[in-house]
Structures are given as C-alpha cells and as structure tokens.
Amino acid sequence: GLLVGLAFFMLGSCVSIGHARFRLSILDGNTPSVGVLFSGFGDVLWKSFGMNILINLYVWLWSLPALFLLIAGSACAIVGIATSEYTAAQLMASASSSAPIVAAFALLFVVLLFLPAVAAYRYKMAHYVLAENPAMSATEAIRESKRMMQGNKWRLFCLHFSFIGWMFLSIFTFGILLLWVVPYMQEADAAFYQS
C-alpha cells in the first residue's frame, strides 16, 4: 500500500507541473496538446516530487500547534473525568460552570486550524514557478512562491471564495457543473499567478 501511495504521490507531483504549464499556455493564447500535462515527467520529475514533499511537510508542521492543543485538551478532559469522584449527573451539572473554559479552548483550536490554511496559501504558486523555471531547485521555487504571496494571500482567498456560489449550485446538478467550474477556477489561479 505504501508503494502504491508513493507512486500516486509522484504521479500527482509530475502532473501538477504539467497542469501548471497547460494552464499558463492557455493564458498565453495557445492551444496546448494533452501531452503538455505529462511534461513534468521529463525535466522536473524529481524536483516536483521533492517540492510536493516539502510543501506537505511545511503545512503539516504548521498544523502541529492545533494538534498539540487537541491532544492536551483531550488528555486533560480524560484525566479529569477518570480521577473524578462525581457521578455522571454531578459531572453534567459542573459542565455548565466550565463552559467558558471549553468555549475558549474551542475558539483557540479553531484559530490554530487557520495556520495550516494560511501556510498552504504561501505555497500555492510554487508549481507555476517551477513550471516556468525548470532550472530552479524545489526550495527556490517554494521560496519564490512565498515571496510572491506576501501580501497577496488574502487576495487569492477572496478569489477562491468568489466561487462559493458556483460550488453550492453544483450540488443541485449532482456535481456535473463542476466539469465547468473547476477548470475555470484553475485558470483563475493561473491568471492570478501571471498578474
């Protein structure tokens, strides 16, 4: 299973570079062939694979504070209940007094969950950077993406959020509308990169 997962991860890494080249070619007014989608298997095979590993690692590291808070809070709750001499009714009665603490904990957890989302936006343009500059290393492409997204993460989020109506409409078409909406969103990302 691990080897199959690794193969799909490598395949996705290479196709993501080809996909970026395909989208940029459309923006340039060209009509790219389907073969462009597989161009990532040539010159940037290992770079794209390494870049995706690094991006996933960085986003995972940004999610650690929320994970630690969840583990610590769960452990405190389990230990508190396990060492309690109260009956279930008494525990429920005392829960109302600890509601502000639980609410603060939940709010902090939600805020910490935004860290990996913000971090992911830092690396959104790395595939386009590597697609246009195959001589760059994976870390250079990531660094350039971070530089490009400084002050632009909110703009990209607003662009993505503007498609929410189309996403809700696609529910009523049983997902068929996504055949048009998803390529439109991906082309919008490519245009955002070029702007």
Protein backbone atom coordinates (compact mmCIF):
# COMPACT_ATOMS: atom_id res chain seq x y z
CA GLY A 1 0.00 0.00 0.00
CA LEU A 2 2.84 2.36 0.80
CA LEU A 3 4.43 1.86 -2.60
CA VAL A 4 1.11 2.46 -4.38
CA GLY A 5 0.57 5.64 -2.36
CA LEU A 6 4.09 6.80 -3.15
CA ALA A 7 3.55 6.10 -6.86
CA PHE A 8 0.33 8.13 -6.89
CA PHE A 9 2.04 10.96 -4.99
CA MET A 10 4.86 11.02 -7.55
CA LEU A 11 2.38 10.87 -10.42
CA GLY A 12 0.40 13.77 -8.92
CA SER A 13 3.59 15.77 -8.38
CA CYS A 14 4.60 15.46 -12.02
CA VAL A 15 1.14 16.07 -13.41
CA SER A 16 0.79 19.21 -11.24
CA ILE A 17 3.76 20.76 -13.07
CA GLY A 18 2.35 19.71 -16.44
CA HIS A 19 -1.04 21.07 -15.42
CA ALA A 20 0.53 24.42 -14.50
CA ARG A 21 2.26 24.54 -17.90
CA PHE A 22 -1.03 23.63 -19.60
CA ARG A 23 -2.93 26.45 -17.82
CA LEU A 24 -0.22 29.03 -18.50
CA SER A 25 -0.15 28.02 -22.17
CA ILE A 26 -3.90 28.61 -22.42
CA LEU A 27 -3.47 32.05 -20.83
CA ASP A 28 -0.82 32.86 -23.43
CA GLY A 29 -3.40 32.20 -26.15
CA ASN A 30 -2.00 28.86 -27.26
CA THR A 31 -3.86 25.59 -27.71
CA PRO A 32 -1.72 23.09 -25.79
CA SER A 33 -1.85 19.38 -26.50
CA VAL A 34 -2.75 16.84 -23.86
CA GLY A 35 0.91 15.82 -23.87
CA VAL A 36 1.77 19.06 -22.05
CA LEU A 37 0.03 17.63 -18.97
CA PHE A 38 2.72 14.95 -18.82
CA SER A 39 5.68 17.26 -19.44
CA GLY A 40 6.52 17.17 -15.73
CA PHE A 41 7.86 13.66 -16.15
CA GLY A 42 10.86 14.93 -18.06
CA ASP A 43 12.93 17.81 -16.82
CA VAL A 44 11.47 18.33 -13.34
CA LEU A 45 10.46 14.83 -12.24
CA TRP A 46 12.46 14.70 -9.02
CA LYS A 47 12.22 18.43 -8.34
CA SER A 48 8.41 18.36 -8.43
CA PHE A 49 8.35 15.27 -6.24
CA GLY A 50 10.70 16.89 -3.69
CA MET A 51 8.81 20.17 -3.82
CA ASN A 52 5.49 18.47 -3.02
CA ILE A 53 7.09 16.58 -0.14
CA LEU A 54 8.47 19.84 1.27
CA ILE A 55 5.16 21.69 0.84
CA ASN A 56 3.23 18.91 2.58
CA LEU A 57 5.82 18.80 5.36
CA TYR A 58 5.67 22.56 5.90
CA VAL A 59 1.86 22.60 6.00
CA TRP A 60 1.89 19.65 8.40
CA LEU A 61 4.35 21.48 10.68
CA TRP A 62 2.03 24.50 10.71
CA SER A 63 -0.80 22.19 11.88
CA LEU A 64 1.15 20.93 14.90
CA PRO A 65 0.01 23.67 17.33
CA ALA A 66 -3.65 22.74 16.74
CA LEU A 67 -2.82 19.05 17.04
CA PHE A 68 -0.94 19.58 20.32
CA LEU A 69 -3.80 21.66 21.71
CA LEU A 70 -6.30 18.96 20.77
CA ILE A 71 -4.19 16.22 22.38
CA ALA A 72 -3.52 18.25 25.52
CA GLY A 73 -7.17 19.24 25.91
CA SER A 74 -8.37 15.68 25.36
CA ALA A 75 -5.83 14.32 27.82
CA CYS A 76 -6.87 16.86 30.47
CA ALA A 77 -10.53 16.01 29.97
CA ILE A 78 -9.91 12.26 30.17
CA VAL A 79 -7.73 12.55 33.25
CA GLY A 80 -10.22 14.92 34.87
CA ILE A 81 -13.14 12.58 34.28
CA ALA A 82 -11.18 9.44 35.20
CA THR A 83 -9.95 10.84 38.52
CA SER A 84 -13.28 12.44 39.38
CA GLU A 85 -15.33 11.09 42.24
CA TYR A 86 -18.50 12.68 40.89
CA THR A 87 -21.43 10.82 39.42
CA ALA A 88 -22.45 11.43 35.81
CA ALA A 89 -25.21 13.81 36.95
CA GLN A 90 -22.77 15.84 39.05
CA LEU A 91 -20.32 16.00 36.13
CA MET A 92 -23.07 17.31 33.84
CA ALA A 93 -24.03 19.92 36.42
CA SER A 94 -20.41 21.08 36.77
CA ALA A 95 -20.01 21.22 32.99
CA SER A 96 -22.04 24.42 32.83
CA SER A 97 -19.55 26.16 35.10
CA SER A 98 -16.66 25.14 32.86
CA ALA A 99 -18.44 26.20 29.66
CA PRO A 100 -16.40 29.43 29.25
CA ILE A 101 -13.17 27.45 29.52
CA VAL A 102 -14.37 24.93 26.95
CA ALA A 103 -15.55 27.74 24.65
CA ALA A 104 -12.17 29.49 24.91
CA PHE A 105 -10.41 26.19 24.22
CA ALA A 106 -12.61 25.57 21.16
CA LEU A 107 -12.04 29.12 19.86
CA LEU A 108 -8.28 28.79 20.25
CA PHE A 109 -8.40 25.43 18.45
CA VAL A 110 -10.32 26.95 15.52
CA VAL A 111 -7.89 29.87 15.31
CA LEU A 112 -4.94 27.45 15.29
CA LEU A 113 -6.59 25.47 12.49
CA PHE A 114 -6.24 28.54 10.26
CA LEU A 115 -2.43 28.36 10.49
CA PRO A 116 -2.05 25.43 8.05
CA ALA A 117 -4.59 27.02 5.70
CA VAL A 118 -2.64 30.27 5.63
CA ALA A 119 0.59 28.31 5.22
CA ALA A 120 -0.87 26.42 2.27
CA TYR A 121 -1.62 29.74 0.56
CA ARG A 122 2.06 30.64 0.86
CA TYR A 123 2.95 27.75 -1.43
CA LYS A 124 0.09 27.99 -3.96
CA MET A 125 2.26 29.44 -6.72
CA ALA A 126 5.22 27.06 -6.34
CA HIS A 127 4.01 24.75 -9.12
CA TYR A 128 3.69 27.65 -11.55
CA VAL A 129 7.13 28.95 -10.59
CA LEU A 130 8.74 25.56 -11.18
CA ALA A 131 6.76 25.04 -14.40
CA GLU A 132 8.12 28.29 -15.84
CA ASN A 133 11.61 27.95 -14.35
CA PRO A 134 12.66 24.29 -14.53
CA ALA A 135 16.26 25.22 -13.72
CA MET A 136 15.19 26.30 -10.21
CA SER A 137 15.51 23.91 -7.31
CA ALA A 138 12.44 22.86 -5.33
CA THR A 139 13.39 25.06 -2.39
CA GLU A 140 13.97 28.06 -4.66
CA ALA A 141 10.51 27.61 -6.19
CA ILE A 142 8.96 27.41 -2.73
CA ARG A 143 10.88 30.49 -1.61
CA GLU A 144 9.75 32.40 -4.70
CA SER A 145 6.14 31.37 -4.09
CA LYS A 146 6.37 32.64 -0.51
CA ARG A 147 7.80 35.93 -1.77
CA MET A 148 5.06 36.29 -4.39
CA MET A 149 2.30 35.57 -1.89
CA GLN A 150 3.46 38.14 0.69
CA GLY A 151 0.52 40.50 0.91
CA ASN A 152 -1.44 38.51 -1.68
CA LYS A 153 -2.80 35.59 0.37
CA TRP A 154 -5.97 37.50 1.18
CA ARG A 155 -6.50 38.41 -2.48
CA LEU A 156 -6.18 34.77 -3.52
CA PHE A 157 -8.52 33.70 -0.74
CA CYS A 158 -11.10 36.23 -1.93
CA LEU A 159 -10.71 34.91 -5.48
CA HIS A 160 -11.32 31.36 -4.26
CA PHE A 161 -14.23 32.48 -2.08
CA SER A 162 -15.88 34.16 -5.06
CA PHE A 163 -16.56 30.69 -6.49
CA ILE A 164 -18.57 29.53 -3.48
CA GLY A 165 -21.89 30.25 -5.20
CA TRP A 166 -20.90 28.02 -8.11
CA MET A 167 -19.91 25.28 -5.66
CA PHE A 168 -23.33 25.41 -4.00
CA LEU A 169 -25.02 25.37 -7.39
CA SER A 170 -23.05 22.28 -8.35
CA ILE A 171 -24.76 20.40 -5.52
CA PHE A 172 -28.08 20.79 -7.33
CA THR A 173 -26.56 19.41 -10.54
CA PHE A 174 -25.11 16.41 -8.68
CA GLY A 175 -21.60 17.68 -9.39
CA ILE A 176 -21.99 17.94 -13.17
CA LEU A 177 -21.49 21.72 -13.02
CA LEU A 178 -18.02 21.09 -11.56
CA LEU A 179 -16.89 19.97 -15.03
CA TRP A 180 -17.00 23.68 -15.98
CA VAL A 181 -16.38 25.36 -12.63
CA VAL A 182 -13.18 23.56 -11.62
CA PRO A 183 -11.28 24.33 -14.88
CA TYR A 184 -12.49 27.93 -14.59
CA MET A 185 -11.14 28.12 -11.03
CA GLN A 186 -7.83 26.60 -12.09
CA GLU A 187 -7.49 29.07 -14.94
CA ALA A 188 -8.26 31.88 -12.48
CA ASP A 189 -5.36 30.64 -10.32
CA ALA A 190 -3.05 30.70 -13.33
CA ALA A 191 -4.19 34.24 -14.17
CA PHE A 192 -3.57 35.22 -10.55
CA TYR A 193 -0.04 33.88 -10.90
CA GLN A 194 0.59 35.93 -14.03
CA SER A 195 -0.82 39.13 -12.53
